[in-house]
């Protein structure tokens, strides 16, 4: 098994029963070329990998994530990260971009 690090999902597309998720990270070369004082948010993400799965697998994944988000340990960690300013505190974050192909 190979582990692949990604920073986030940039898009989720659904078409004909297949879900595609574009995983992105920050390009290390771009980060190395940053000017002093330039915010990390100014770095354009690069597509790292695409995850493709059938709709039933995607829905199962969502149920696993829902269970994880309800776990008291996870809730405590998220609260601590938010207190430290490592996570946004907006209770209604912008939705992830979705598009049909």
PDB file of N, CA and C in Angstrom:
ATOM      1  N   UNK A   1       0.838  -1.171   0.000  1.00  0.00           N
ATOM      2  CA  UNK A   1       0.000   0.000   0.000  1.00  0.00           C
ATOM      3  C   UNK A   1       0.888   1.240   0.000  1.00  0.00           C
ATOM      4  N   UNK A   2       0.488   2.231  -0.765  1.00  0.00           N
ATOM      5  CA  UNK A   2       1.201   3.510  -0.821  1.00  0.00           C
ATOM      6  C   UNK A   2       0.371   4.586  -0.134  1.00  0.00           C
ATOM      7  N   UNK A   3       0.998   5.343   0.745  1.00  0.00           N
ATOM      8  CA  UNK A   3       0.341   6.487   1.350  1.00  0.00           C
ATOM      9  C   UNK A   3       0.585   7.705   0.470  1.00  0.00           C
ATOM     10  N   UNK A   4      -0.449   8.511   0.288  1.00  0.00           N
ATOM     11  CA  UNK A   4      -0.337   9.742  -0.492  1.00  0.00           C
ATOM     12  C   UNK A   4      -0.832  10.873   0.383  1.00  0.00           C
ATOM     13  N   UNK A   5       0.026  11.877   0.642  1.00  0.00           N
ATOM     14  CA  UNK A   5      -0.387  13.030   1.422  1.00  0.00           C
ATOM     15  C   UNK A   5      -1.038  14.051   0.502  1.00  0.00           C
ATOM     16  N   UNK A   6      -2.202  14.549   0.918  1.00  0.00           N
ATOM     17  CA  UNK A   6      -2.864  15.655   0.224  1.00  0.00           C
ATOM     18  C   UNK A   6      -3.304  16.660   1.273  1.00  0.00           C
ATOM     19  N   UNK A   7      -3.415  17.926   0.882  1.00  0.00           N
ATOM     20  CA  UNK A   7      -3.880  18.953   1.811  1.00  0.00           C
ATOM     21  C   UNK A   7      -5.398  18.971   1.926  1.00  0.00           C
ATOM     22  N   UNK A   8      -6.078  18.737   0.806  1.00  0.00           N
ATOM     23  CA  UNK A   8      -7.544  18.805   0.821  1.00  0.00           C
ATOM     24  C   UNK A   8      -8.114  18.265  -0.492  1.00  0.00           C
ATOM     25  N   UNK A   9      -9.416  18.295  -0.586  1.00  0.00           N
ATOM     26  CA  UNK A   9     -10.134  17.950  -1.814  1.00  0.00           C
ATOM     27  C   UNK A   9     -10.495  19.268  -2.483  1.00  0.00           C
ATOM     28  N   UNK A  10     -10.181  19.414  -3.763  1.00  0.00           N
ATOM     29  CA  UNK A  10     -10.503  20.674  -4.443  1.00  0.00           C
ATOM     30  C   UNK A  10     -11.824  20.607  -5.192  1.00  0.00           C
ATOM     31  N   UNK A  11     -12.250  19.415  -5.581  1.00  0.00           N
ATOM     32  CA  UNK A  11     -13.511  19.283  -6.310  1.00  0.00           C
ATOM     33  C   UNK A  11     -14.018  17.858  -6.188  1.00  0.00           C
ATOM     34  N   UNK A  12     -15.336  17.739  -6.202  1.00  0.00           N
ATOM     35  CA  UNK A  12     -15.977  16.426  -6.238  1.00  0.00           C
ATOM     36  C   UNK A  12     -16.949  16.456  -7.406  1.00  0.00           C
ATOM     37  N   UNK A  13     -16.773  15.523  -8.318  1.00  0.00           N
ATOM     38  CA  UNK A  13     -17.634  15.436  -9.501  1.00  0.00           C
ATOM     39  C   UNK A  13     -18.401  14.121  -9.455  1.00  0.00           C
ATOM     40  N   UNK A  14     -19.647  14.145  -9.925  1.00  0.00           N
ATOM     41  CA  UNK A  14     -20.468  12.936  -9.977  1.00  0.00           C
ATOM     42  C   UNK A  14     -21.076  12.820 -11.364  1.00  0.00           C
ATOM     43  N   UNK A  15     -20.951  11.639 -11.974  1.00  0.00           N
ATOM     44  CA  UNK A  15     -21.514  11.403 -13.293  1.00  0.00           C
ATOM     45  C   UNK A  15     -21.691   9.907 -13.491  1.00  0.00           C
ATOM     46  N   UNK A  16     -22.871   9.501 -13.935  1.00  0.00           N
ATOM     47  CA  UNK A  16     -23.155   8.106 -14.262  1.00  0.00           C
ATOM     48  C   UNK A  16     -22.792   7.138 -13.137  1.00  0.00           C
ATOM     49  N   UNK A  17     -23.100   7.516 -11.893  1.00  0.00           N
ATOM     50  CA  UNK A  17     -22.870   6.620 -10.771  1.00  0.00           C
ATOM     51  C   UNK A  17     -21.430   6.542 -10.301  1.00  0.00           C
ATOM     52  N   UNK A  18     -20.573   7.431 -10.809  1.00  0.00           N
ATOM     53  CA  UNK A  18     -19.169   7.430 -10.428  1.00  0.00           C
ATOM     54  C   UNK A  18     -18.820   8.787  -9.810  1.00  0.00           C
ATOM     55  N   UNK A  19     -18.165   8.741  -8.642  1.00  0.00           N
ATOM     56  CA  UNK A  19     -17.739   9.954  -7.955  1.00  0.00           C
ATOM     57  C   UNK A  19     -16.239  10.107  -8.148  1.00  0.00           C
ATOM     58  N   UNK A  20     -15.814  11.309  -8.531  1.00  0.00           N
ATOM     59  CA  UNK A  20     -14.387  11.605  -8.697  1.00  0.00           C
ATOM     60  C   UNK A  20     -14.037  12.748  -7.757  1.00  0.00           C
ATOM     61  N   UNK A  21     -12.987  12.542  -6.967  1.00  0.00           N
ATOM     62  CA  UNK A  21     -12.526  13.575  -6.042  1.00  0.00           C
ATOM     63  C   UNK A  21     -11.109  13.967  -6.428  1.00  0.00           C
ATOM     64  N   UNK A  22     -10.915  15.262  -6.667  1.00  0.00           N
ATOM     65  CA  UNK A  22      -9.585  15.768  -6.993  1.00  0.00           C
ATOM     66  C   UNK A  22      -8.894  16.177  -5.701  1.00  0.00           C
ATOM     67  N   UNK A  23      -7.793  15.511  -5.396  1.00  0.00           N
ATOM     68  CA  UNK A  23      -7.017  15.778  -4.195  1.00  0.00           C
ATOM     69  C   UNK A  23      -5.872  16.716  -4.567  1.00  0.00           C
ATOM     70  N   UNK A  24      -5.622  17.722  -3.717  1.00  0.00           N
ATOM     71  CA  UNK A  24      -4.587  18.705  -4.018  1.00  0.00           C
ATOM     72  C   UNK A  24      -3.641  18.885  -2.833  1.00  0.00           C
ATOM     73  N   UNK A  25      -2.472  19.407  -3.147  1.00  0.00           N
ATOM     74  CA  UNK A  25      -1.510  19.825  -2.124  1.00  0.00           C
ATOM     75  C   UNK A  25      -0.841  21.101  -2.605  1.00  0.00           C
ATOM     76  N   UNK A  26       0.067  21.616  -1.804  1.00  0.00           N
ATOM     77  CA  UNK A  26       0.827  22.794  -2.211  1.00  0.00           C
ATOM     78  C   UNK A  26       2.133  22.308  -2.819  1.00  0.00           C
ATOM     79  N   UNK A  27       2.432  22.796  -3.988  1.00  0.00           N
ATOM     80  CA  UNK A  27       3.642  22.403  -4.700  1.00  0.00           C
ATOM     81  C   UNK A  27       4.874  22.887  -3.934  1.00  0.00           C
ATOM     82  N   UNK A  28       5.752  21.970  -3.490  1.00  0.00           N
ATOM     83  CA  UNK A  28       6.935  22.374  -2.735  1.00  0.00           C
ATOM     84  C   UNK A  28       7.831  23.353  -3.492  1.00  0.00           C
ATOM     85  N   UNK A  29       7.923  23.213  -4.809  1.00  0.00           N
ATOM     86  CA  UNK A  29       8.747  24.143  -5.596  1.00  0.00           C
ATOM     87  C   UNK A  29       8.193  25.559  -5.522  1.00  0.00           C
ATOM     88  N   UNK A  30       6.870  25.687  -5.576  1.00  0.00           N
ATOM     89  CA  UNK A  30       6.238  27.003  -5.483  1.00  0.00           C
ATOM     90  C   UNK A  30       6.447  27.599  -4.098  1.00  0.00           C
ATOM     91  N   UNK A  31       6.318  26.766  -3.070  1.00  0.00           N
ATOM     92  CA  UNK A  31       6.530  27.240  -1.701  1.00  0.00           C
ATOM     93  C   UNK A  31       7.961  27.743  -1.538  1.00  0.00           C
ATOM     94  N   UNK A  32       8.922  27.010  -2.106  1.00  0.00           N
ATOM     95  CA  UNK A  32      10.330  27.397  -1.994  1.00  0.00           C
ATOM     96  C   UNK A  32      10.609  28.722  -2.686  1.00  0.00           C
ATOM     97  N   UNK A  33       9.820  29.057  -3.700  1.00  0.00           N
ATOM     98  CA  UNK A  33      10.018  30.300  -4.449  1.00  0.00           C
ATOM     99  C   UNK A  33       9.251  31.479  -3.861  1.00  0.00           C
ATOM    100  N   UNK A  34       8.518  31.255  -2.756  1.00  0.00           N
ATOM    101  CA  UNK A  34       7.740  32.330  -2.148  1.00  0.00           C
ATOM    102  C   UNK A  34       8.623  33.490  -1.724  1.00  0.00           C
ATOM    103  N   UNK A  35       8.080  34.675  -1.886  1.00  0.00           N
ATOM    104  CA  UNK A  35       8.773  35.885  -1.435  1.00  0.00           C
ATOM    105  C   UNK A  35       8.532  36.048   0.063  1.00  0.00           C
ATOM    106  N   UNK A  36       9.453  36.649   0.775  1.00  0.00           N
ATOM    107  CA  UNK A  36       9.248  36.883   2.210  1.00  0.00           C
ATOM    108  C   UNK A  36       7.948  37.653   2.454  1.00  0.00           C
ATOM    109  N   UNK A  37       7.172  37.184   3.416  1.00  0.00           N
ATOM    110  CA  UNK A  37       5.918  37.837   3.751  1.00  0.00           C
ATOM    111  C   UNK A  37       4.731  37.376   2.930  1.00  0.00           C
ATOM    112  N   UNK A  38       4.974  36.588   1.896  1.00  0.00           N
ATOM    113  CA  UNK A  38       3.871  36.086   1.080  1.00  0.00           C
ATOM    114  C   UNK A  38       3.131  35.019   1.875  1.00  0.00           C
ATOM    115  N   UNK A  39       1.817  35.153   1.941  1.00  0.00           N
ATOM    116  CA  UNK A  39       0.999  34.210   2.701  1.00  0.00           C
ATOM    117  C   UNK A  39       0.933  32.862   2.001  1.00  0.00           C
ATOM    118  N   UNK A  40       0.909  31.772   2.777  1.00  0.00           N
ATOM    119  CA  UNK A  40       0.789  30.443   2.165  1.00  0.00           C
ATOM    120  C   UNK A  40      -0.466  30.298   1.312  1.00  0.00           C
ATOM    121  N   UNK A  41      -1.519  31.053   1.645  1.00  0.00           N
ATOM    122  CA  UNK A  41      -2.748  30.975   0.853  1.00  0.00           C
ATOM    123  C   UNK A  41      -2.542  31.474  -0.569  1.00  0.00           C
ATOM    124  N   UNK A  42      -1.465  32.228  -0.794  1.00  0.00           N
ATOM    125  CA  UNK A  42      -1.183  32.742  -2.127  1.00  0.00           C
ATOM    126  C   UNK A  42      -0.587  31.674  -3.047  1.00  0.00           C
ATOM    127  N   UNK A  43      -0.259  30.521  -2.490  1.00  0.00           N
ATOM    128  CA  UNK A  43       0.322  29.438  -3.277  1.00  0.00           C
ATOM    129  C   UNK A  43      -0.806  28.674  -3.961  1.00  0.00           C
ATOM    130  N   UNK A  44      -0.716  28.527  -5.270  1.00  0.00           N
ATOM    131  CA  UNK A  44      -1.729  27.809  -6.030  1.00  0.00           C
ATOM    132  C   UNK A  44      -1.616  26.315  -5.768  1.00  0.00           C
ATOM    133  N   UNK A  45      -2.722  25.669  -5.391  1.00  0.00           N
ATOM    134  CA  UNK A  45      -2.647  24.225  -5.160  1.00  0.00           C
ATOM    135  C   UNK A  45      -2.423  23.467  -6.464  1.00  0.00           C
ATOM    136  N   UNK A  46      -1.786  22.319  -6.353  1.00  0.00           N
ATOM    137  CA  UNK A  46      -1.600  21.471  -7.544  1.00  0.00           C
ATOM    138  C   UNK A  46      -2.389  20.178  -7.339  1.00  0.00           C
ATOM    139  N   UNK A  47      -2.898  19.645  -8.428  1.00  0.00           N
ATOM    140  CA  UNK A  47      -3.630  18.381  -8.361  1.00  0.00           C
ATOM    141  C   UNK A  47      -2.632  17.268  -8.075  1.00  0.00           C
ATOM    142  N   UNK A  48      -2.871  16.539  -7.018  1.00  0.00           N
ATOM    143  CA  UNK A  48      -1.958  15.495  -6.577  1.00  0.00           C
ATOM    144  C   UNK A  48      -2.428  14.129  -7.054  1.00  0.00           C
ATOM    145  N   UNK A  49      -3.725  13.871  -6.902  1.00  0.00           N
ATOM    146  CA  UNK A  49      -4.256  12.563  -7.254  1.00  0.00           C
ATOM    147  C   UNK A  49      -5.764  12.678  -7.424  1.00  0.00           C
ATOM    148  N   UNK A  50      -6.331  11.764  -8.177  1.00  0.00           N
ATOM    149  CA  UNK A  50      -7.774  11.691  -8.328  1.00  0.00           C
ATOM    150  C   UNK A  50      -8.240  10.375  -7.730  1.00  0.00           C
ATOM    151  N   UNK A  51      -9.261  10.441  -6.887  1.00  0.00           N
ATOM    152  CA  UNK A  51      -9.867   9.234  -6.331  1.00  0.00           C
ATOM    153  C   UNK A  51     -11.175   9.025  -7.070  1.00  0.00           C
ATOM    154  N   UNK A  52     -11.365   7.834  -7.610  1.00  0.00           N
ATOM    155  CA  UNK A  52     -12.565   7.504  -8.365  1.00  0.00           C
ATOM    156  C   UNK A  52     -13.233   6.325  -7.673  1.00  0.00           C
ATOM    157  N   UNK A  53     -14.542   6.457  -7.370  1.00  0.00           N
ATOM    158  CA  UNK A  53     -15.243   5.356  -6.711  1.00  0.00           C
ATOM    159  C   UNK A  53     -16.709   5.340  -7.114  1.00  0.00           C
ATOM    160  N   UNK A  54     -17.335   4.175  -7.023  1.00  0.00           N
ATOM    161  CA  UNK A  54     -18.759   4.102  -7.340  1.00  0.00           C
ATOM    162  C   UNK A  54     -19.566   4.792  -6.239  1.00  0.00           C
ATOM    163  N   UNK A  55     -20.779   5.228  -6.579  1.00  0.00           N
ATOM    164  CA  UNK A  55     -21.622   5.945  -5.636  1.00  0.00           C
ATOM    165  C   UNK A  55     -21.830   5.177  -4.327  1.00  0.00           C
ATOM    166  N   UNK A  56     -22.102   3.861  -4.341  1.00  0.00           N
ATOM    167  CA  UNK A  56     -22.275   3.162  -3.060  1.00  0.00           C
ATOM    168  C   UNK A  56     -21.037   3.260  -2.158  1.00  0.00           C
ATOM    169  N   UNK A  57     -19.852   3.186  -2.727  1.00  0.00           N
ATOM    170  CA  UNK A  57     -18.621   3.315  -1.944  1.00  0.00           C
ATOM    171  C   UNK A  57     -18.474   4.709  -1.368  1.00  0.00           C
ATOM    172  N   UNK A  58     -18.832   5.719  -2.150  1.00  0.00           N
ATOM    173  CA  UNK A  58     -18.760   7.104  -1.686  1.00  0.00           C
ATOM    174  C   UNK A  58     -19.731   7.327  -0.528  1.00  0.00           C
ATOM    175  N   UNK A  59     -20.957   6.815  -0.657  1.00  0.00           N
ATOM    176  CA  UNK A  59     -21.947   6.971   0.411  1.00  0.00           C
ATOM    177  C   UNK A  59     -21.507   6.249   1.679  1.00  0.00           C
ATOM    178  N   UNK A  60     -20.885   5.077   1.525  1.00  0.00           N
ATOM    179  CA  UNK A  60     -20.365   4.379   2.696  1.00  0.00           C
ATOM    180  C   UNK A  60     -19.262   5.211   3.359  1.00  0.00           C
ATOM    181  N   UNK A  61     -18.390   5.801   2.539  1.00  0.00           N
ATOM    182  CA  UNK A  61     -17.327   6.643   3.067  1.00  0.00           C
ATOM    183  C   UNK A  61     -17.919   7.806   3.878  1.00  0.00           C
ATOM    184  N   UNK A  62     -18.993   8.417   3.375  1.00  0.00           N
ATOM    185  CA  UNK A  62     -19.636   9.510   4.101  1.00  0.00           C
ATOM    186  C   UNK A  62     -20.172   9.044   5.448  1.00  0.00           C
ATOM    187  N   UNK A  63     -20.727   7.827   5.506  1.00  0.00           N
ATOM    188  CA  UNK A  63     -21.234   7.325   6.790  1.00  0.00           C
ATOM    189  C   UNK A  63     -20.094   7.080   7.765  1.00  0.00           C
ATOM    190  N   UNK A  64     -18.934   6.633   7.271  1.00  0.00           N
ATOM    191  CA  UNK A  64     -17.763   6.445   8.123  1.00  0.00           C
ATOM    192  C   UNK A  64     -17.291   7.795   8.652  1.00  0.00           C
ATOM    193  N   UNK A  65     -17.242   8.805   7.790  1.00  0.00           N
ATOM    194  CA  UNK A  65     -16.817  10.140   8.204  1.00  0.00           C
ATOM    195  C   UNK A  65     -17.800  10.715   9.225  1.00  0.00           C
ATOM    196  N   UNK A  66     -19.103  10.528   8.993  1.00  0.00           N
ATOM    197  CA  UNK A  66     -20.110  11.017   9.935  1.00  0.00           C
ATOM    198  C   UNK A  66     -19.879  10.405  11.316  1.00  0.00           C
ATOM    199  N   UNK A  67     -19.631   9.103  11.363  1.00  0.00           N
ATOM    200  CA  UNK A  67     -19.359   8.446  12.638  1.00  0.00           C
ATOM    201  C   UNK A  67     -18.111   9.000  13.299  1.00  0.00           C
ATOM    202  N   UNK A  68     -17.086   9.251  12.518  1.00  0.00           N
ATOM    203  CA  UNK A  68     -15.842   9.815  13.054  1.00  0.00           C
ATOM    204  C   UNK A  68     -16.083  11.201  13.631  1.00  0.00           C
ATOM    205  N   UNK A  69     -16.878  12.018  12.944  1.00  0.00           N
ATOM    206  CA  UNK A  69     -17.147  13.378  13.399  1.00  0.00           C
ATOM    207  C   UNK A  69     -17.998  13.411  14.666  1.00  0.00           C
ATOM    208  N   UNK A  70     -18.694  12.316  14.973  1.00  0.00           N
ATOM    209  CA  UNK A  70     -19.511  12.239  16.183  1.00  0.00           C
ATOM    210  C   UNK A  70     -18.742  11.621  17.354  1.00  0.00           C
ATOM    211  N   UNK A  71     -17.554  11.100  17.098  1.00  0.00           N
ATOM    212  CA  UNK A  71     -16.736  10.490  18.149  1.00  0.00           C
ATOM    213  C   UNK A  71     -16.289  11.578  19.131  1.00  0.00           C
ATOM    214  N   UNK A  72     -16.506  11.386  20.429  1.00  0.00           N
ATOM    215  CA  UNK A  72     -16.140  12.420  21.408  1.00  0.00           C
ATOM    216  C   UNK A  72     -14.662  12.822  21.351  1.00  0.00           C
ATOM    217  N   UNK A  73     -13.778  11.875  21.092  1.00  0.00           N
ATOM    218  CA  UNK A  73     -12.356  12.205  20.985  1.00  0.00           C
ATOM    219  C   UNK A  73     -12.104  13.168  19.827  1.00  0.00           C
ATOM    220  N   UNK A  74     -12.727  12.895  18.688  1.00  0.00           N
ATOM    221  CA  UNK A  74     -12.558  13.763  17.517  1.00  0.00           C
ATOM    222  C   UNK A  74     -13.165  15.133  17.791  1.00  0.00           C
ATOM    223  N   UNK A  75     -14.333  15.180  18.409  1.00  0.00           N
ATOM    224  CA  UNK A  75     -14.973  16.456  18.732  1.00  0.00           C
ATOM    225  C   UNK A  75     -14.042  17.282  19.612  1.00  0.00           C
ATOM    226  N   UNK A  76     -13.436  16.658  20.622  1.00  0.00           N
ATOM    227  CA  UNK A  76     -12.512  17.364  21.511  1.00  0.00           C
ATOM    228  C   UNK A  76     -11.298  17.898  20.784  1.00  0.00           C
ATOM    229  N   UNK A  77     -10.743  17.103  19.879  1.00  0.00           N
ATOM    230  CA  UNK A  77      -9.564  17.536  19.125  1.00  0.00           C
ATOM    231  C   UNK A  77      -9.917  18.704  18.207  1.00  0.00           C
ATOM    232  N   UNK A  78     -11.057  18.631  17.552  1.00  0.00           N
ATOM    233  CA  UNK A  78     -11.477  19.717  16.664  1.00  0.00           C
ATOM    234  C   UNK A  78     -11.680  21.003  17.464  1.00  0.00           C
ATOM    235  N   UNK A  79     -12.312  20.888  18.624  1.00  0.00           N
ATOM    236  CA  UNK A  79     -12.511  22.070  19.471  1.00  0.00           C
ATOM    237  C   UNK A  79     -11.176  22.675  19.890  1.00  0.00           C
ATOM    238  N   UNK A  80     -10.225  21.832  20.258  1.00  0.00           N
ATOM    239  CA  UNK A  80      -8.905  22.324  20.683  1.00  0.00           C
ATOM    240  C   UNK A  80      -8.200  23.021  19.511  1.00  0.00           C
ATOM    241  N   UNK A  81      -8.242  22.415  18.308  1.00  0.00           N
ATOM    242  CA  UNK A  81      -7.634  23.041  17.135  1.00  0.00           C
ATOM    243  C   UNK A  81      -8.266  24.407  16.863  1.00  0.00           C
ATOM    244  N   UNK A  82      -9.600  24.487  16.994  1.00  0.00           N
ATOM    245  CA  UNK A  82     -10.297  25.761  16.755  1.00  0.00           C
ATOM    246  C   UNK A  82      -9.873  26.801  17.787  1.00  0.00           C
ATOM    247  N   UNK A  83      -9.757  26.388  19.055  1.00  0.00           N
ATOM    248  CA  UNK A  83      -9.315  27.308  20.106  1.00  0.00           C
ATOM    249  C   UNK A  83      -7.921  27.864  19.819  1.00  0.00           C
ATOM    250  N   UNK A  84      -7.053  27.019  19.259  1.00  0.00           N
ATOM    251  CA  UNK A  84      -5.685  27.429  18.953  1.00  0.00           C
ATOM    252  C   UNK A  84      -5.583  28.219  17.651  1.00  0.00           C
ATOM    253  N   UNK A  85      -6.708  28.360  16.935  1.00  0.00           N
ATOM    254  CA  UNK A  85      -6.705  29.106  15.683  1.00  0.00           C
ATOM    255  C   UNK A  85      -6.200  28.299  14.497  1.00  0.00           C
ATOM    256  N   UNK A  86      -6.122  26.979  14.658  1.00  0.00           N
ATOM    257  CA  UNK A  86      -5.634  26.131  13.569  1.00  0.00           C
ATOM    258  C   UNK A  86      -6.750  25.707  12.619  1.00  0.00           C
ATOM    259  N   UNK A  87      -7.990  25.937  13.014  1.00  0.00           N
ATOM    260  CA  UNK A  87      -9.151  25.631  12.174  1.00  0.00           C
ATOM    261  C   UNK A  87     -10.058  26.850  12.148  1.00  0.00           C
ATOM    262  N   UNK A  88     -10.746  27.064  11.032  1.00  0.00           N
ATOM    263  CA  UNK A  88     -11.698  28.170  11.000  1.00  0.00           C
ATOM    264  C   UNK A  88     -12.832  27.902  11.983  1.00  0.00           C
ATOM    265  N   UNK A  89     -13.366  28.950  12.577  1.00  0.00           N
ATOM    266  CA  UNK A  89     -14.442  28.792  13.549  1.00  0.00           C
ATOM    267  C   UNK A  89     -15.809  29.048  12.941  1.00  0.00           C
ATOM    268  N   UNK A  90     -15.879  29.330  11.639  1.00  0.00           N
ATOM    269  CA  UNK A  90     -17.152  29.558  10.955  1.00  0.00           C
ATOM    270  C   UNK A  90     -17.969  28.272  10.994  1.00  0.00           C
ATOM    271  N   UNK A  91     -19.138  28.270  11.643  1.00  0.00           N
ATOM    272  CA  UNK A  91     -19.936  27.050  11.715  1.00  0.00           C
ATOM    273  C   UNK A  91     -20.544  26.645  10.373  1.00  0.00           C
ATOM    274  N   UNK A  92     -20.564  27.555   9.409  1.00  0.00           N
ATOM    275  CA  UNK A  92     -21.127  27.263   8.091  1.00  0.00           C
ATOM    276  C   UNK A  92     -20.089  27.537   7.010  1.00  0.00           C
ATOM    277  N   UNK A  93     -19.065  26.669   6.894  1.00  0.00           N
ATOM    278  CA  UNK A  93     -18.042  26.919   5.874  1.00  0.00           C
ATOM    279  C   UNK A  93     -18.616  26.807   4.469  1.00  0.00           C
ATOM    280  N   UNK A  94     -17.924  27.412   3.537  1.00  0.00           N
ATOM    281  CA  UNK A  94     -18.349  27.353   2.138  1.00  0.00           C
ATOM    282  C   UNK A  94     -18.377  25.899   1.691  1.00  0.00           C
ATOM    283  N   UNK A  95     -19.396  25.502   0.934  1.00  0.00           N
ATOM    284  CA  UNK A  95     -19.487  24.115   0.472  1.00  0.00           C
ATOM    285  C   UNK A  95     -18.361  23.767  -0.499  1.00  0.00           C
ATOM    286  N   UNK A  96     -18.021  22.480  -0.519  1.00  0.00           N
ATOM    287  CA  UNK A  96     -17.028  21.985  -1.466  1.00  0.00           C
ATOM    288  C   UNK A  96     -17.644  22.045  -2.855  1.00  0.00           C
ATOM    289  N   UNK A  97     -16.869  22.464  -3.821  1.00  0.00           N
ATOM    290  CA  UNK A  97     -17.345  22.567  -5.204  1.00  0.00           C
ATOM    291  C   UNK A  97     -17.730  21.186  -5.710  1.00  0.00           C
ATOM    292  N   UNK A  98     -18.938  21.080  -6.289  1.00  0.00           N
ATOM    293  CA  UNK A  98     -19.357  19.845  -6.926  1.00  0.00           C
ATOM    294  C   UNK A  98     -19.808  20.173  -8.338  1.00  0.00           C
ATOM    295  N   UNK A  99     -19.580  19.277  -9.243  1.00  0.00           N
ATOM    296  CA  UNK A  99     -19.986  19.508 -10.627  1.00  0.00           C
ATOM    297  C   UNK A  99     -20.242  18.191 -11.306  1.00  0.00           C
ATOM    298  N   UNK A 100     -21.226  18.140 -12.153  1.00  0.00           N
ATOM    299  CA  UNK A 100     -21.501  16.964 -12.969  1.00  0.00           C
ATOM    300  C   UNK A 100     -20.716  17.112 -14.262  1.00  0.00           C
ATOM    301  N   UNK A 101     -20.198  16.018 -14.725  1.00  0.00           N
ATOM    302  CA  UNK A 101     -19.418  16.059 -15.977  1.00  0.00           C
ATOM    303  C   UNK A 101     -20.314  15.975 -17.176  1.00  0.00           C
TER     304      UNK A 101
END
